[in-house]
Amino acid sequence: VKLLSAARFTHIPGFAFPVRDISMLSMVSKAISNRLINYISTPSGNRRLLLKDFHNIELPGKRDGSHILEHYKSLGDPLMHVVAVRGGTKCGLLFKRCTLLLPTKDRLKYIHKVLSESLIAGWDELECHRVFNFLCELSNLPRKVQTVVSCKPGHVVWQKMIEGPTDEASLKGLADAIKLLYDAEAREWTADDVISLVDELSVVPREWLLENNARLLILSGNNICFTFMASKAVNGRAVELARLVVFLALVCEKDLYCMDWAVQMMQKVCKVFSTAVDRNIFLQGVENTFVHMVMDLVQVVLAGKPAGCFFFPPLSVRTGNHNAEDSTFLNLFHLVNAQASFHKEVLYLTMRGSSSSG
């Protein structure tokens, strides 16, 4: 692995591996993945991976285009289907695995770069229409668009999600829609697709308050909530995950959910971490977040204005929110109660474990 990590793939004659094997190799280490990403962007990588003969449908044995679809489908996920028209399925899987540890927004930027600089550079209008028609046929896009525009929308006031804490009723419709996508019968959506969607919903066009994000996860159900949190644990986002756990506890306190649920969810996530060091960083992050949030709110109360804390963005000051001070006291009350209830459940869990082992 160390040898491969140090290797410069452009020096390997003809890139001596099949594309599918290369995509597996990309998951061996971050170093190899980065090397492959850099290689794909080079002229030799383009020539090796991005087939150029998809316009020539008269080539023997390639009349139905199946070889192209197979090659590019192996280069990833639904994002890669646009790549499929240029050479086959192997390319999509490679791109997906090379960018596995990147956030969705960064993956999209990388794919856009590949598409614009390599695949569709120099295309004329007729070629673009041909690709669009291919994608419509491949993914049944018209039917999906018709379904989206004709169904009853899950109404969410996005501005409300970034200005202050919201309630269960404001998010229930969206949570129900997410659960439908995650359902086993929704075969067109993988678990990764749904988790990526949830991740993007809370940051585009502007980032939600974490309390609203936590409330959406709770309403979306145990499976989605755990999978979302486990994804952060696997991708090394322990600090971000720690903050989310604290807000899950806060929502449980505010909305009268059982606090032992939040503790059990944290316990399950702890098992996802591959090393004790990562797990300890996460647990320490939970404690630090509780402390910092309480101190922030105390400072806000002492200052007499709700600026720059977890619950109120600066906008609430500019809009003349006269109830903000009362809301700050209430949030501090809920947060202290949430911290006490959370640690009480942790103690219960610890004592039960000690009794059973004794």
Protein backbone atom coordinates (compact mmCIF):
# COMPACT_ATOMS: atom_id res chain seq x y z
CA VAL A 1 0.00 0.00 0.00
CA LYS A 2 2.84 2.38 0.88
CA LEU A 3 4.48 1.66 -2.46
CA LEU A 4 1.26 2.33 -4.34
CA SER A 5 0.61 5.50 -2.32
CA ALA A 6 3.99 6.86 -3.35
CA ALA A 7 3.63 5.82 -6.98
CA ARG A 8 3.01 8.28 -9.78
CA PHE A 9 0.33 6.59 -11.83
CA THR A 10 1.26 8.45 -14.97
CA HIS A 11 4.49 6.45 -15.01
CA ILE A 12 2.73 3.07 -15.11
CA PRO A 13 2.71 1.98 -18.78
CA GLY A 14 -0.81 2.08 -20.16
CA PHE A 15 -2.25 2.12 -16.62
CA ALA A 16 -2.09 -1.63 -16.25
CA PHE A 17 -5.37 -2.18 -14.33
CA PRO A 18 -8.98 -2.50 -15.50
CA VAL A 19 -11.13 0.50 -14.53
CA ARG A 20 -13.21 -1.55 -12.09
CA ASP A 21 -10.04 -2.65 -10.26
CA ILE A 22 -8.80 0.93 -10.20
CA SER A 23 -12.02 2.01 -8.50
CA MET A 24 -11.45 -0.63 -5.80
CA LEU A 25 -7.85 0.52 -5.42
CA SER A 26 -9.03 4.08 -4.79
CA MET A 27 -10.56 3.02 -1.46
CA VAL A 28 -7.32 1.59 -0.07
CA SER A 29 -6.06 4.91 1.32
CA LYS A 30 -6.53 8.66 1.01
CA ALA A 31 -3.11 8.96 -0.61
CA ILE A 32 -4.02 6.57 -3.41
CA SER A 33 -7.42 8.20 -3.83
CA ASN A 34 -5.78 11.62 -4.22
CA ARG A 35 -3.27 10.22 -6.73
CA LEU A 36 -6.08 8.76 -8.80
CA ILE A 37 -8.08 12.00 -8.73
CA ASN A 38 -5.02 13.87 -9.98
CA TYR A 39 -4.38 11.20 -12.64
CA ILE A 40 -7.93 11.40 -13.98
CA SER A 41 -7.45 15.12 -14.59
CA THR A 42 -4.33 14.60 -16.71
CA PRO A 43 -4.41 14.17 -20.51
CA SER A 44 -3.20 10.57 -20.21
CA GLY A 45 -5.90 9.82 -17.63
CA ASN A 46 -8.53 11.32 -19.91
CA ARG A 47 -7.38 9.21 -22.84
CA ARG A 48 -7.29 6.06 -20.69
CA LEU A 49 -10.63 6.43 -18.88
CA LEU A 50 -12.90 8.65 -20.96
CA LEU A 51 -13.70 6.81 -24.16
CA LYS A 52 -13.95 9.05 -27.19
CA ASP A 53 -15.79 6.79 -29.65
CA PHE A 54 -19.34 7.04 -28.34
CA HIS A 55 -20.40 9.12 -31.37
CA ASN A 56 -19.28 6.33 -33.68
CA ILE A 57 -22.20 3.94 -33.23
CA GLU A 58 -21.18 1.94 -36.30
CA LEU A 59 -18.19 0.31 -34.61
CA PRO A 60 -18.48 -3.51 -34.75
CA GLY A 61 -20.09 -5.01 -31.65
CA LYS A 62 -20.99 -1.57 -30.28
CA ARG A 63 -24.23 -0.77 -32.11
CA ASP A 64 -26.43 -0.73 -29.01
CA GLY A 65 -24.07 1.43 -26.95
CA SER A 66 -24.06 -1.16 -24.14
CA HIS A 67 -20.27 -1.14 -23.91
CA ILE A 68 -20.36 2.63 -23.36
CA LEU A 69 -22.95 2.42 -20.62
CA GLU A 70 -21.07 -0.40 -18.87
CA HIS A 71 -17.79 1.49 -18.94
CA TYR A 72 -19.08 4.77 -17.56
CA LYS A 73 -21.45 3.28 -15.04
CA SER A 74 -18.38 1.82 -13.40
CA LEU A 75 -16.67 5.30 -13.47
CA GLY A 76 -20.45 6.17 -10.12
CA ASP A 77 -23.80 6.97 -8.76
CA PRO A 78 -26.69 9.00 -10.32
CA LEU A 79 -24.30 11.91 -10.77
CA MET A 80 -22.28 9.72 -13.09
CA HIS A 81 -25.08 8.79 -15.47
CA VAL A 82 -24.30 11.88 -17.50
CA VAL A 83 -20.84 10.39 -17.90
CA ALA A 84 -22.36 7.18 -19.18
CA VAL A 85 -23.12 8.59 -22.60
CA ARG A 86 -19.44 9.15 -23.19
CA GLY A 87 -18.11 5.68 -22.59
CA GLY A 88 -19.60 3.22 -20.05
CA THR A 89 -20.35 2.39 -16.41
CA LYS A 90 -16.88 1.68 -15.00
CA CYS A 91 -16.02 5.41 -14.98
CA GLY A 92 -18.90 6.42 -12.73
CA LEU A 93 -18.00 3.91 -10.04
CA LEU A 94 -14.38 5.08 -10.13
CA PHE A 95 -15.39 8.72 -9.65
CA LYS A 96 -17.78 7.79 -6.85
CA ARG A 97 -15.16 5.82 -4.95
CA CYS A 98 -12.36 8.34 -5.49
CA THR A 99 -14.51 11.09 -3.97
CA LEU A 100 -16.06 8.90 -1.26
CA LEU A 101 -14.73 10.97 1.66
CA LEU A 102 -15.54 14.37 0.16
CA PRO A 103 -18.67 16.35 1.07
CA THR A 104 -21.39 16.28 -1.57
CA LYS A 105 -20.73 19.86 -2.64
CA ASP A 106 -17.06 19.11 -3.28
CA ARG A 107 -17.97 15.94 -5.19
CA LEU A 108 -20.32 17.97 -7.38
CA LYS A 109 -17.59 20.53 -8.08
CA TYR A 110 -15.18 17.77 -9.09
CA ILE A 111 -17.70 16.07 -11.37
CA HIS A 112 -18.59 19.42 -12.94
CA LYS A 113 -14.91 19.99 -13.65
CA VAL A 114 -14.58 16.57 -15.31
CA LEU A 115 -17.73 17.10 -17.35
CA SER A 116 -16.99 20.63 -18.50
CA GLU A 117 -13.27 20.25 -19.17
CA SER A 118 -13.12 16.73 -20.53
CA LEU A 119 -16.42 15.18 -21.51
CA ILE A 120 -18.55 17.90 -23.06
CA ALA A 121 -15.87 20.40 -24.03
CA GLY A 122 -16.49 21.43 -27.63
CA TRP A 123 -19.91 19.80 -27.98
CA ASP A 124 -22.37 21.41 -30.35
CA GLU A 125 -26.09 21.89 -29.68
CA LEU A 126 -27.06 18.64 -31.41
CA GLU A 127 -24.73 16.60 -29.23
CA CYS A 128 -26.13 18.19 -26.07
CA HIS A 129 -29.67 17.32 -27.15
CA ARG A 130 -28.59 13.78 -27.85
CA VAL A 131 -27.16 13.45 -24.34
CA PHE A 132 -30.30 14.93 -22.79
CA ASN A 133 -32.52 12.47 -24.67
CA PHE A 134 -30.26 9.61 -23.60
CA LEU A 135 -30.53 10.64 -19.94
CA CYS A 136 -34.30 11.00 -20.16
CA GLU A 137 -34.59 7.48 -21.53
CA LEU A 138 -32.08 6.03 -19.08
CA SER A 139 -33.52 7.52 -15.88
CA ASN A 140 -37.17 8.06 -16.90
CA LEU A 141 -36.62 11.74 -16.13
CA PRO A 142 -39.90 13.11 -17.62
CA ARG A 143 -41.99 10.84 -15.37
CA LYS A 144 -40.02 11.87 -12.29
CA VAL A 145 -40.36 15.56 -13.11
CA GLN A 146 -44.10 15.11 -13.64
CA THR A 147 -44.40 13.38 -10.27
CA VAL A 148 -42.55 16.20 -8.51
CA VAL A 149 -44.53 19.05 -10.06
CA SER A 150 -47.94 17.41 -9.67
CA CYS A 151 -47.69 16.07 -6.10
CA LYS A 152 -48.56 18.01 -2.96
CA PRO A 153 -45.42 19.84 -1.79
CA GLY A 154 -43.83 19.35 1.64
CA HIS A 155 -44.09 22.97 2.73
CA VAL A 156 -41.01 24.29 4.56
CA VAL A 157 -40.34 27.96 5.23
CA TRP A 158 -36.59 27.99 4.58
CA GLN A 159 -36.03 31.47 6.00
CA LYS A 160 -37.56 30.35 9.28
CA MET A 161 -35.04 27.51 9.51
CA ILE A 162 -32.08 29.88 9.55
CA GLU A 163 -33.53 32.65 11.73
CA GLY A 164 -34.59 30.74 14.84
CA PRO A 165 -35.84 27.47 16.33
CA THR A 166 -38.96 26.09 14.66
CA ASP A 167 -41.53 23.51 15.74
CA GLU A 168 -42.43 19.95 14.82
CA ALA A 169 -45.34 20.96 12.61
CA SER A 170 -43.07 23.00 10.33
CA LEU A 171 -40.87 19.98 9.55
CA LYS A 172 -43.19 17.00 9.69
CA GLY A 173 -44.13 17.14 5.99
CA LEU A 174 -40.49 17.24 4.90
CA ALA A 175 -39.57 14.44 7.32
CA ASP A 176 -42.39 12.25 5.95
CA ALA A 177 -41.15 12.83 2.39
CA ILE A 178 -37.61 11.84 3.39
CA LYS A 179 -38.90 8.66 5.03
CA LEU A 180 -40.70 7.74 1.81
CA LEU A 181 -37.46 8.11 -0.15
CA TYR A 182 -35.63 5.92 2.39
CA ASP A 183 -38.30 3.23 2.25
CA ALA A 184 -37.15 -0.17 0.96
CA GLU A 185 -39.62 0.05 -1.93
CA ALA A 186 -38.05 3.29 -3.20
CA ARG A 187 -35.42 1.40 -5.15
CA GLU A 188 -34.31 4.42 -7.19
CA TRP A 189 -32.89 6.03 -4.02
CA THR A 190 -30.04 4.43 -2.10
CA ALA A 191 -29.37 5.11 1.58
CA ASP A 192 -26.38 7.23 0.54
CA ASP A 193 -28.58 9.30 -1.76
CA VAL A 194 -31.07 10.04 1.03
CA ILE A 195 -28.36 10.92 3.55
CA SER A 196 -26.71 13.25 1.03
CA LEU A 197 -30.10 14.88 0.41
CA VAL A 198 -30.67 15.45 4.15
CA ASP A 199 -27.16 16.88 4.47
CA GLU A 200 -27.70 19.31 1.59
CA LEU A 201 -31.20 20.37 2.62
CA SER A 202 -29.91 21.94 5.82
CA VAL A 203 -27.11 23.98 4.22
CA VAL A 204 -28.52 25.15 0.87
CA PRO A 205 -29.03 28.02 0.18
CA ARG A 206 -28.04 28.96 3.76
CA GLU A 207 -27.21 26.83 6.77
CA TRP A 208 -30.05 25.98 9.15
CA LEU A 209 -29.77 26.36 12.88
CA LEU A 210 -28.53 23.06 14.24
CA GLU A 211 -31.60 22.73 16.46
CA ASN A 212 -33.82 22.65 13.37
CA ASN A 213 -31.51 20.15 11.70
CA ALA A 214 -31.67 17.91 14.79
CA ARG A 215 -35.47 18.17 14.90
CA LEU A 216 -35.70 17.10 11.26
CA LEU A 217 -33.49 14.07 11.94
CA ILE A 218 -35.62 13.00 14.90
CA LEU A 219 -38.82 13.32 12.86
CA SER A 220 -37.22 11.36 10.01
CA GLY A 221 -36.92 8.26 12.22
CA ASN A 222 -34.26 6.15 13.90
CA ASN A 223 -32.78 4.57 10.77
CA ILE A 224 -32.23 7.83 8.91
CA CYS A 225 -30.97 9.62 12.01
CA PHE A 226 -28.46 6.89 12.85
CA THR A 227 -27.27 6.49 9.26
CA PHE A 228 -26.77 10.25 8.99
CA MET A 229 -24.74 10.34 12.22
CA ALA A 230 -22.75 7.21 11.34
CA SER A 231 -21.78 8.81 8.03
CA LYS A 232 -20.25 11.74 9.90
CA ALA A 233 -18.43 9.36 12.24
CA VAL A 234 -16.95 7.37 9.35
CA ASN A 235 -15.87 10.54 7.55
CA GLY A 236 -13.96 11.92 10.54
CA ARG A 237 -16.42 14.71 11.41
CA ALA A 238 -16.40 13.98 15.16
CA VAL A 239 -16.65 17.59 16.34
CA GLU A 240 -19.59 18.32 14.05
CA LEU A 241 -21.23 15.10 15.23
CA ALA A 242 -20.71 16.05 18.88
CA ARG A 243 -22.59 19.32 18.37
CA LEU A 244 -25.41 17.44 16.68
CA VAL A 245 -25.76 15.08 19.68
CA VAL A 246 -26.14 18.05 22.01
CA PHE A 247 -28.88 19.52 19.85
CA LEU A 248 -30.64 16.17 19.67
CA ALA A 249 -30.68 16.23 23.47
CA LEU A 250 -31.99 19.80 23.45
CA VAL A 251 -34.83 18.92 21.07
CA CYS A 252 -35.71 15.89 23.22
CA GLU A 253 -35.97 18.23 26.21
CA LYS A 254 -38.01 20.88 24.40
CA ASP A 255 -40.36 18.54 22.56
CA LEU A 256 -40.75 16.10 25.47
CA TYR A 257 -39.12 13.10 23.79
CA CYS A 258 -37.43 10.45 25.93
CA MET A 259 -33.87 11.53 26.70
CA ASP A 260 -32.67 7.94 26.85
CA TRP A 261 -33.25 7.83 23.07
CA ALA A 262 -30.55 10.48 22.52
CA VAL A 263 -28.15 8.63 24.85
CA GLN A 264 -28.77 5.30 23.12
CA MET A 265 -28.23 6.94 19.73
CA MET A 266 -24.90 8.32 20.96
CA GLN A 267 -23.95 4.87 22.24
CA LYS A 268 -24.70 3.29 18.85
CA VAL A 269 -22.66 5.93 17.04
CA CYS A 270 -19.72 5.30 19.38
CA LYS A 271 -19.50 1.77 18.00
CA VAL A 272 -19.00 3.15 14.49
CA PHE A 273 -15.68 4.82 15.27
CA SER A 274 -12.77 2.66 14.18
CA THR A 275 -10.40 3.71 16.97
CA ALA A 276 -10.69 4.53 20.66
CA VAL A 277 -8.95 7.85 20.00
CA ASP A 278 -11.65 8.99 17.57
CA ARG A 279 -14.36 7.84 19.94
CA ASN A 280 -12.82 9.76 22.83
CA ILE A 281 -12.51 12.91 20.71
CA PHE A 282 -16.21 12.61 19.93
CA LEU A 283 -17.24 12.11 23.57
CA GLN A 284 -15.05 14.97 24.72
CA GLY A 285 -16.61 17.08 21.98
CA VAL A 286 -20.08 16.39 23.37
CA GLU A 287 -19.03 17.62 26.82
CA ASN A 288 -17.25 20.65 25.42
CA THR A 289 -20.27 21.59 23.34
CA PHE A 290 -22.57 21.50 26.37
CA VAL A 291 -20.16 23.74 28.28
CA HIS A 292 -19.64 26.23 25.45
CA MET A 293 -23.35 26.50 24.71
CA VAL A 294 -24.24 27.19 28.34
CA MET A 295 -21.47 29.80 28.61
CA ASP A 296 -22.56 31.46 25.37
CA LEU A 297 -26.14 31.76 26.56
CA VAL A 298 -25.09 33.06 29.96
CA GLN A 299 -23.00 35.75 28.26
CA VAL A 300 -25.94 36.66 26.04
CA VAL A 301 -28.20 36.98 29.07
CA LEU A 302 -25.64 39.14 30.90
CA ALA A 303 -25.13 41.30 27.81
CA GLY A 304 -28.89 41.77 27.45
CA LYS A 305 -28.97 41.14 23.72
CA PRO A 306 -29.20 37.92 21.67
CA ALA A 307 -26.24 38.27 19.32
CA GLY A 308 -23.81 35.68 18.04
CA CYS A 309 -25.02 32.61 19.97
CA PHE A 310 -26.14 29.18 18.81
CA PHE A 311 -29.83 30.06 18.92
CA PHE A 312 -30.05 33.55 17.46
CA PRO A 313 -28.07 34.73 14.44
CA PRO A 314 -27.25 38.44 14.27
CA LEU A 315 -30.35 38.92 12.07
CA SER A 316 -32.64 38.71 15.13
CA VAL A 317 -30.99 41.82 16.55
CA ARG A 318 -31.41 43.83 13.35
CA THR A 319 -35.08 42.87 12.92
CA GLY A 320 -35.99 44.23 16.35
CA ASN A 321 -37.09 40.98 17.96
CA HIS A 322 -38.42 42.27 21.31
CA ASN A 323 -39.12 38.76 22.59
CA ALA A 324 -35.52 37.65 21.98
CA GLU A 325 -34.40 38.27 25.56
CA ASP A 326 -37.22 36.16 27.00
CA SER A 327 -36.46 33.46 24.43
CA THR A 328 -32.81 33.45 25.49
CA PHE A 329 -33.77 32.83 29.12
CA LEU A 330 -36.08 30.03 28.00
CA ASN A 331 -33.40 28.44 25.84
CA LEU A 332 -30.94 28.58 28.71
CA PHE A 333 -33.50 26.90 30.94
CA HIS A 334 -34.10 24.14 28.37
CA LEU A 335 -30.38 23.66 27.74
CA VAL A 336 -29.49 23.26 31.42
CA ASN A 337 -32.36 20.79 31.87
CA ALA A 338 -31.28 18.92 28.73
CA GLN A 339 -27.72 18.65 30.01
CA ALA A 340 -28.89 17.35 33.39
CA SER A 341 -31.32 14.84 31.87
CA PHE A 342 -28.76 13.66 29.32
CA HIS A 343 -26.10 13.00 31.95
CA LYS A 344 -28.64 11.33 34.22
CA GLU A 345 -29.41 8.84 31.44
CA VAL A 346 -25.67 8.33 30.85
CA LEU A 347 -25.25 7.52 34.56
CA TYR A 348 -28.19 5.10 34.46
CA LEU A 349 -26.67 3.39 31.43
CA THR A 350 -23.27 3.17 33.11
CA MET A 351 -24.69 1.76 36.34
CA ARG A 352 -26.76 -0.82 34.48
CA GLY A 353 -23.62 -1.89 32.63
CA SER A 354 -21.66 -2.14 35.90
CA SER A 355 -24.40 -4.20 37.55
CA SER A 356 -24.65 -6.66 34.66
CA SER A 357 -20.86 -7.12 34.49
CA GLY A 358 -20.65 -7.59 38.25
